[in-house]
Amino acid sequence: MKDKYSGLLKFLILLLVIIIAVWYFVPRTEKETAMPKYVLVIHGGAGTILPENMSAEREAAYREALGQALAAGEDVLKAGGSSLDAVSAAILVMEDSPLFNAGKGAVFNSEGINELDAAIMDGATLNAGAVSGVQRIANPVLLARAVMDNSGHVMLVGAGAENFAKEQGFEFVEPDYFYTDYRWGQLQKAKKAGAVILESDDDLIFLNKDHKYGTVGAVALDNHGNLAAATSTGGLTNKRYGRVGDTPIIGAGTYADNNSCAVSGTGTGEYFIRATIARNICALMEYKGLSLEQAAEVMVHDVLIRMGGDGGIIAVDAAGNIALKFNTTGMYRGFVVAGEEPVIGIYKD
């Protein structure tokens, strides 16, 4: 009897050893092995961006600013912070830089006024916030976050958005905060050439292709597996007063869903709105089973081009895969993955 129980005990010990070995040495599922601890991707706009048109000093300035934005967002993620806080931190750096068409560097509309838009979305809850047409808020992405967290609404515009900002204790800046000689000069050139926005006989809007879309954006996957996206812009130089592009429209220029991906776009906003570019990238993954790379390729290099639009997107999915797609000659962009060195790009390289 003793030998019988001894044999059973040996069998159980052997079984336990096998189970432990399987647990430690058998590869995990594809999702477990593919998912990094965190991922952050940013863009600073797409358009006609060519090396021959860029001085070494200006290129260095862009690369430094993109690097600072990545570092700010990564600091949040490294500390275990949320993807929402990370995309906000990255965009704040770009909104505070005169290099990008957002916040401090926003372009002028046809009236010589800066009108700013921004949006943010939480992939875990599908909560979102957006503002459009604000004129005295230095960091519209923070106001968009406040709309999401504190208003009970998704989008507030113009004077209403600024009244809400007062209630939330935001500091207001004077209009000349946004003034730069570079942006003012762009407006004068655009007015002289009738560029950027041209009206046809049938009153449809056409956009001059020889310019840059300086919209900024960020998408992130945090240590908790949650996705977020945020986008901020000054719109188009010489745009009509009150024009709203894709940036603050959830599903057009900004979208995030933990079930698929987080997307931020930059380009001809009217086309991004019509094709709901950001949401459709997620939908192609969710309903057709496409990979992030495949879905982004379809929307940027098929649908958008077929419609006559141009621009680009950045995206990250729930497994940490990244897509940076653009059909222009360049896009200011960068990404960082946990434990790896940041990568920054400008041209088609």
Protein backbone atom coordinates (compact mmCIF):
# COMPACT_ATOMS: atom_id res chain seq x y z
CA MET A 1 0.00 0.00 0.00
CA LYS A 2 2.87 2.30 0.89
CA ASP A 3 4.49 1.68 -2.52
CA LYS A 4 1.16 2.43 -4.18
CA TYR A 5 0.88 5.86 -2.53
CA SER A 6 4.56 6.52 -3.16
CA GLY A 7 4.06 5.88 -6.86
CA LEU A 8 1.02 8.17 -6.96
CA LEU A 9 2.98 10.92 -5.23
CA LYS A 10 5.81 10.61 -7.75
CA PHE A 11 3.29 10.79 -10.59
CA LEU A 12 1.72 13.95 -9.16
CA ILE A 13 5.13 15.58 -8.68
CA LEU A 14 6.06 14.71 -12.29
CA LEU A 15 2.76 16.16 -13.51
CA LEU A 16 3.37 19.36 -11.58
CA VAL A 17 6.86 19.69 -13.09
CA ILE A 18 5.41 19.27 -16.60
CA ILE A 19 2.76 21.93 -15.97
CA ILE A 20 5.38 24.38 -14.67
CA ALA A 21 7.62 23.68 -17.67
CA VAL A 22 4.77 24.28 -20.09
CA TRP A 23 3.87 27.53 -18.32
CA TYR A 24 7.39 28.90 -18.53
CA PHE A 25 8.67 27.58 -21.82
CA VAL A 26 5.73 27.23 -24.22
CA PRO A 27 5.25 30.46 -26.26
CA ARG A 28 2.40 32.70 -25.24
CA THR A 29 -0.44 33.64 -27.57
CA GLU A 30 0.26 36.04 -30.42
CA LYS A 31 -1.43 38.91 -28.60
CA GLU A 32 0.59 38.35 -25.42
CA THR A 33 3.92 38.14 -27.23
CA ALA A 34 3.18 41.05 -29.58
CA MET A 35 1.95 43.53 -26.99
CA PRO A 36 4.69 45.87 -25.73
CA LYS A 37 4.36 47.64 -22.40
CA TYR A 38 3.57 50.95 -24.08
CA VAL A 39 3.66 52.70 -27.46
CA LEU A 40 3.45 56.39 -28.38
CA VAL A 41 3.15 57.75 -31.94
CA ILE A 42 2.98 61.42 -32.93
CA HIS A 43 2.66 63.55 -36.05
CA GLY A 44 3.23 67.21 -36.77
CA GLY A 45 1.43 67.44 -40.10
CA ALA A 46 1.75 66.15 -43.65
CA GLY A 47 2.08 67.85 -47.03
CA THR A 48 4.61 69.04 -49.59
CA ILE A 49 7.67 68.49 -47.42
CA LEU A 50 10.83 68.07 -49.50
CA PRO A 51 14.51 67.99 -48.42
CA GLU A 52 15.44 70.59 -51.04
CA ASN A 53 12.98 73.06 -49.51
CA MET A 54 14.19 72.55 -45.95
CA SER A 55 17.26 74.22 -44.48
CA ALA A 56 19.45 72.13 -42.19
CA GLU A 57 18.62 74.46 -39.30
CA ARG A 58 14.86 74.18 -39.81
CA GLU A 59 14.98 70.41 -40.18
CA ALA A 60 16.99 70.16 -36.97
CA ALA A 61 14.44 72.35 -35.19
CA TYR A 62 11.57 70.09 -36.29
CA ARG A 63 13.41 66.95 -35.24
CA GLU A 64 14.20 68.45 -31.85
CA ALA A 65 10.58 69.52 -31.29
CA LEU A 66 9.26 66.08 -32.28
CA GLY A 67 11.80 64.50 -29.95
CA GLN A 68 10.67 66.72 -27.08
CA ALA A 69 7.02 65.81 -27.72
CA LEU A 70 7.86 62.10 -27.71
CA ALA A 71 9.86 62.47 -24.50
CA ALA A 72 7.03 64.30 -22.75
CA GLY A 73 4.51 61.62 -23.65
CA GLU A 74 6.87 58.75 -22.89
CA ASP A 75 7.62 60.17 -19.44
CA VAL A 76 3.94 59.74 -18.62
CA LEU A 77 3.82 56.17 -19.95
CA LYS A 78 7.08 55.15 -18.24
CA ALA A 79 5.62 56.24 -14.92
CA GLY A 80 2.57 54.04 -15.50
CA GLY A 81 0.36 56.95 -16.54
CA SER A 82 -2.63 56.71 -18.86
CA SER A 83 -2.61 56.90 -22.63
CA LEU A 84 -4.93 59.92 -22.31
CA ASP A 85 -2.37 61.81 -20.22
CA ALA A 86 0.43 60.74 -22.57
CA VAL A 87 -1.20 62.03 -25.77
CA SER A 88 -2.10 65.27 -24.00
CA ALA A 89 1.49 65.76 -22.81
CA ALA A 90 2.92 65.13 -26.29
CA ILE A 91 0.51 67.53 -27.96
CA LEU A 92 1.13 70.26 -25.38
CA VAL A 93 4.75 70.43 -26.51
CA MET A 94 3.72 70.85 -30.14
CA GLU A 95 0.97 73.35 -29.32
CA ASP A 96 3.55 75.46 -27.50
CA SER A 97 5.93 75.43 -30.48
CA PRO A 98 5.63 78.00 -33.29
CA LEU A 99 6.80 75.31 -35.75
CA PHE A 100 3.48 73.49 -35.90
CA ASN A 101 0.04 74.61 -37.02
CA ALA A 102 -1.54 74.20 -33.60
CA GLY A 103 -1.64 76.44 -30.54
CA LYS A 104 1.17 79.00 -30.70
CA GLY A 105 1.94 78.30 -34.37
CA ALA A 106 -1.66 78.32 -35.62
CA VAL A 107 -2.32 79.71 -39.10
CA PHE A 108 -4.59 82.68 -39.88
CA ASN A 109 -8.01 82.43 -41.47
CA SER A 110 -9.19 84.76 -44.25
CA GLU A 111 -10.13 87.39 -41.65
CA GLY A 112 -6.63 87.36 -40.15
CA ILE A 113 -7.86 85.52 -37.05
CA ASN A 114 -6.57 82.33 -35.46
CA GLU A 115 -9.33 79.75 -34.93
CA LEU A 116 -8.23 76.55 -33.23
CA ASP A 117 -9.71 73.04 -33.07
CA ALA A 118 -8.83 69.99 -30.97
CA ALA A 119 -10.18 66.60 -29.95
CA ILE A 120 -9.33 63.73 -27.63
CA MET A 121 -10.80 60.24 -27.25
CA ASP A 122 -10.53 57.46 -24.67
CA GLY A 123 -10.37 54.01 -26.27
CA ALA A 124 -11.41 52.26 -23.04
CA THR A 125 -14.74 54.06 -22.63
CA LEU A 126 -15.33 55.67 -26.06
CA ASN A 127 -15.70 58.98 -24.23
CA ALA A 128 -14.55 61.94 -26.31
CA GLY A 129 -14.23 65.70 -26.14
CA ALA A 130 -13.68 68.34 -28.81
CA VAL A 131 -13.59 72.10 -29.31
CA SER A 132 -13.71 74.15 -32.47
CA GLY A 133 -13.19 77.79 -33.39
CA VAL A 134 -11.59 78.88 -30.11
CA GLN A 135 -9.47 82.01 -30.35
CA ARG A 136 -7.93 82.67 -26.94
CA ILE A 137 -6.97 79.25 -25.57
CA ALA A 138 -3.25 78.48 -25.76
CA ASN A 139 -3.72 74.71 -25.45
CA PRO A 140 -7.00 73.60 -27.05
CA VAL A 141 -6.25 69.91 -26.37
CA LEU A 142 -6.63 70.58 -22.64
CA LEU A 143 -9.98 72.26 -23.23
CA ALA A 144 -11.09 69.27 -25.34
CA ARG A 145 -10.12 67.02 -22.41
CA ALA A 146 -12.17 69.21 -20.05
CA VAL A 147 -15.17 68.94 -22.38
CA MET A 148 -14.84 65.15 -22.28
CA ASP A 149 -14.38 64.95 -18.51
CA ASN A 150 -16.60 67.73 -17.20
CA SER A 151 -19.26 68.90 -19.65
CA GLY A 152 -21.48 65.92 -20.44
CA HIS A 153 -21.08 66.82 -24.12
CA VAL A 154 -18.71 65.82 -26.90
CA MET A 155 -18.12 69.09 -28.79
CA LEU A 156 -18.33 72.76 -27.88
CA VAL A 157 -17.64 75.53 -30.39
CA GLY A 158 -16.66 79.20 -30.54
CA ALA A 159 -17.94 81.49 -27.81
CA GLY A 160 -19.69 78.60 -26.06
CA ALA A 161 -16.44 76.67 -25.79
CA GLU A 162 -14.67 79.73 -24.40
CA ASN A 163 -17.45 80.37 -21.87
CA PHE A 164 -17.00 76.79 -20.71
CA ALA A 165 -13.25 77.40 -20.51
CA LYS A 166 -13.88 80.33 -18.15
CA GLU A 167 -16.04 78.14 -15.94
CA GLN A 168 -13.25 75.56 -15.87
CA GLY A 169 -10.67 78.15 -14.81
CA PHE A 170 -8.65 78.25 -18.04
CA GLU A 171 -6.32 81.17 -18.55
CA PHE A 172 -6.99 83.21 -21.69
CA VAL A 173 -4.30 84.63 -23.95
CA GLU A 174 -4.47 87.77 -26.05
CA PRO A 175 -4.92 87.21 -29.82
CA ASP A 176 -1.37 88.39 -30.52
CA TYR A 177 -0.07 85.36 -28.60
CA PHE A 178 -0.60 83.37 -31.80
CA TYR A 179 1.04 85.91 -34.11
CA THR A 180 4.22 84.91 -35.94
CA ASP A 181 5.73 86.67 -38.93
CA TYR A 182 5.95 83.34 -40.73
CA ARG A 183 2.23 82.56 -40.46
CA TRP A 184 1.21 86.13 -41.27
CA GLY A 185 3.42 86.02 -44.35
CA GLN A 186 1.76 82.75 -45.40
CA LEU A 187 -1.64 84.43 -45.23
CA GLN A 188 -0.52 87.37 -47.39
CA LYS A 189 0.93 85.02 -50.00
CA ALA A 190 -2.24 82.92 -49.95
CA LYS A 191 -4.48 85.96 -50.40
CA LYS A 192 -2.35 87.28 -53.23
CA ALA A 193 -2.36 83.94 -55.05
CA GLY A 194 -5.89 82.97 -54.13
CA ALA A 195 -4.28 79.85 -52.73
CA VAL A 196 -5.19 77.13 -50.27
CA ILE A 197 -8.92 77.59 -50.65
CA LEU A 198 -10.27 78.26 -54.11
CA GLU A 199 -13.94 78.67 -55.02
CA SER A 200 -15.30 77.13 -58.21
CA ASP A 201 -18.30 78.21 -60.25
CA ASP A 202 -20.47 75.59 -58.57
CA ASP A 203 -19.32 76.78 -55.13
CA LEU A 204 -17.41 73.59 -54.25
CA ILE A 205 -14.21 74.01 -52.28
CA PHE A 206 -10.94 72.99 -53.86
CA LEU A 207 -7.63 73.02 -52.03
CA ASN A 208 -4.28 74.01 -53.46
CA LYS A 209 -1.99 70.97 -53.10
CA ASP A 210 1.26 72.91 -52.74
CA HIS A 211 1.13 73.46 -49.01
CA LYS A 212 1.52 71.72 -45.67
CA TYR A 213 -1.11 70.58 -43.20
CA GLY A 214 0.46 71.38 -39.85
CA THR A 215 -2.07 69.60 -37.67
CA VAL A 216 -0.49 67.78 -34.72
CA GLY A 217 -1.62 64.49 -33.25
CA ALA A 218 -0.73 61.67 -30.89
CA VAL A 219 -1.93 58.12 -30.28
CA ALA A 220 -0.84 55.85 -27.44
CA LEU A 221 -1.17 52.41 -25.88
CA ASP A 222 -0.43 52.44 -22.14
CA ASN A 223 0.76 49.79 -19.68
CA HIS A 224 -2.85 48.98 -18.83
CA GLY A 225 -3.71 48.11 -22.44
CA ASN A 226 -5.78 51.24 -23.03
CA LEU A 227 -5.67 53.29 -26.23
CA ALA A 228 -6.16 57.05 -26.70
CA ALA A 229 -5.97 59.56 -29.54
CA ALA A 230 -5.76 63.35 -29.66
CA THR A 231 -5.40 65.92 -32.43
CA SER A 232 -4.99 69.72 -32.50
CA THR A 233 -4.87 72.25 -35.34
CA GLY A 234 -5.19 75.83 -36.51
CA GLY A 235 -6.86 74.62 -39.71
CA LEU A 236 -6.04 75.94 -43.17
CA THR A 237 -4.34 79.23 -44.03
CA ASN A 238 -6.90 81.62 -45.55
CA LYS A 239 -9.81 79.35 -44.59
CA ARG A 240 -13.24 80.91 -44.43
CA TYR A 241 -14.27 82.32 -41.07
CA GLY A 242 -15.97 79.55 -39.09
CA ARG A 243 -14.69 76.66 -41.22
CA VAL A 244 -14.39 73.41 -39.28
CA GLY A 245 -12.11 70.61 -40.46
CA ASP A 246 -11.79 66.97 -39.51
CA THR A 247 -9.68 67.38 -36.35
CA PRO A 248 -12.51 67.96 -33.83
CA ILE A 249 -14.96 65.61 -35.56
CA ILE A 250 -14.86 62.26 -33.81
CA GLY A 251 -14.42 59.53 -36.40
CA ALA A 252 -13.02 61.82 -39.07
CA GLY A 253 -9.64 63.05 -37.83
CA THR A 254 -9.63 61.50 -34.36
CA TYR A 255 -10.80 58.12 -33.02
CA ALA A 256 -9.85 55.50 -30.42
CA ASP A 257 -11.36 52.15 -29.45
CA ASN A 258 -9.65 49.45 -27.38
CA ASN A 259 -11.33 46.85 -29.60
CA SER A 260 -9.36 48.02 -32.65
CA CYS A 261 -7.04 51.02 -32.71
CA ALA A 262 -6.38 54.71 -32.07
CA VAL A 263 -6.01 57.10 -35.02
CA SER A 264 -5.05 60.75 -35.58
CA GLY A 265 -5.12 62.30 -39.04
CA THR A 266 -3.72 65.27 -40.91
CA GLY A 267 -4.64 66.43 -44.40
CA THR A 268 -7.52 67.75 -46.45
CA GLY A 269 -10.09 67.82 -43.68
CA GLU A 270 -13.10 67.96 -45.97
CA TYR A 271 -12.16 64.55 -47.40
CA PHE A 272 -11.35 63.05 -44.01
CA ILE A 273 -14.84 64.10 -42.88
CA ARG A 274 -16.62 62.65 -45.93
CA ALA A 275 -14.80 59.34 -45.67
CA THR A 276 -14.74 59.19 -41.84
CA ILE A 277 -11.12 58.12 -42.23
CA ALA A 278 -10.22 57.52 -38.58
CA ARG A 279 -13.30 55.49 -37.67
CA ASN A 280 -13.20 53.48 -40.89
CA ILE A 281 -9.64 52.32 -40.19
CA CYS A 282 -10.91 50.91 -36.90
CA ALA A 283 -14.05 49.51 -38.57
CA LEU A 284 -12.06 47.67 -41.25
CA MET A 285 -10.13 45.95 -38.48
CA GLU A 286 -13.18 45.19 -36.39
CA TYR A 287 -15.62 44.05 -39.07
CA LYS A 288 -13.42 42.80 -41.91
CA GLY A 289 -10.56 41.42 -39.87
CA LEU A 290 -7.89 43.53 -41.60
CA SER A 291 -4.63 44.26 -39.84
CA LEU A 292 -3.89 47.83 -38.80
CA GLU A 293 -1.41 48.13 -41.66
CA GLN A 294 -3.94 46.87 -44.21
CA ALA A 295 -6.78 49.06 -42.93
CA ALA A 296 -4.64 52.21 -42.93
CA GLU A 297 -3.36 51.42 -46.42
CA VAL A 298 -6.91 51.11 -47.78
CA MET A 299 -8.09 54.41 -46.32
CA VAL A 300 -4.99 56.54 -47.07
CA HIS A 301 -3.79 55.12 -50.38
CA ASP A 302 -7.08 53.98 -51.88
CA VAL A 303 -10.15 55.75 -50.53
CA LEU A 304 -8.56 59.15 -49.84
CA ILE A 305 -6.72 59.32 -53.17
CA ARG A 306 -9.78 58.15 -55.11
CA MET A 307 -11.75 61.01 -53.59
CA GLY A 308 -9.05 63.54 -54.49
CA GLY A 309 -7.76 64.13 -50.98
CA ASP A 310 -4.30 63.92 -49.50
CA GLY A 311 -2.70 63.69 -46.09
CA GLY A 312 -1.75 61.00 -43.62
CA ILE A 313 -2.52 59.18 -40.39
CA ILE A 314 -0.77 57.73 -37.40
CA ALA A 315 -2.28 54.76 -35.57
CA VAL A 316 -1.59 52.11 -32.96
CA ASP A 317 -3.68 49.01 -32.28
CA ALA A 318 -4.46 47.07 -29.12
CA ALA A 319 -1.47 44.76 -29.73
CA GLY A 320 0.96 47.66 -30.07
CA ASN A 321 1.31 47.52 -33.86
CA ILE A 322 2.01 50.91 -35.47
CA ALA A 323 0.93 52.48 -38.77
CA LEU A 324 2.30 55.72 -40.22
CA LYS A 325 0.68 56.25 -43.62
CA PHE A 326 0.73 59.32 -45.85
CA ASN A 327 0.18 59.97 -49.56
CA THR A 328 2.04 63.30 -49.56
CA THR A 329 5.77 63.84 -50.01
CA GLY A 330 6.34 63.99 -46.28
CA MET A 331 4.88 63.89 -42.78
CA TYR A 332 6.49 65.07 -39.56
CA ARG A 333 6.28 61.98 -37.37
CA GLY A 334 7.83 59.91 -34.62
CA PHE A 335 7.22 56.96 -32.36
CA VAL A 336 8.66 55.24 -29.33
CA VAL A 337 8.11 51.73 -28.02
CA ALA A 338 8.89 50.68 -24.44
CA GLY A 339 12.55 49.82 -24.06
CA GLU A 340 13.54 51.11 -27.49
CA GLU A 341 15.04 54.31 -28.88
CA PRO A 342 12.65 56.93 -30.35
CA VAL A 343 12.33 57.06 -34.15
CA ILE A 344 11.71 60.37 -35.95
CA GLY A 345 10.97 60.91 -39.64
CA ILE A 346 10.05 63.76 -41.98
CA TYR A 347 10.38 62.66 -45.61
CA LYS A 348 9.45 59.50 -47.47
CA ASP A 349 12.29 57.47 -46.06
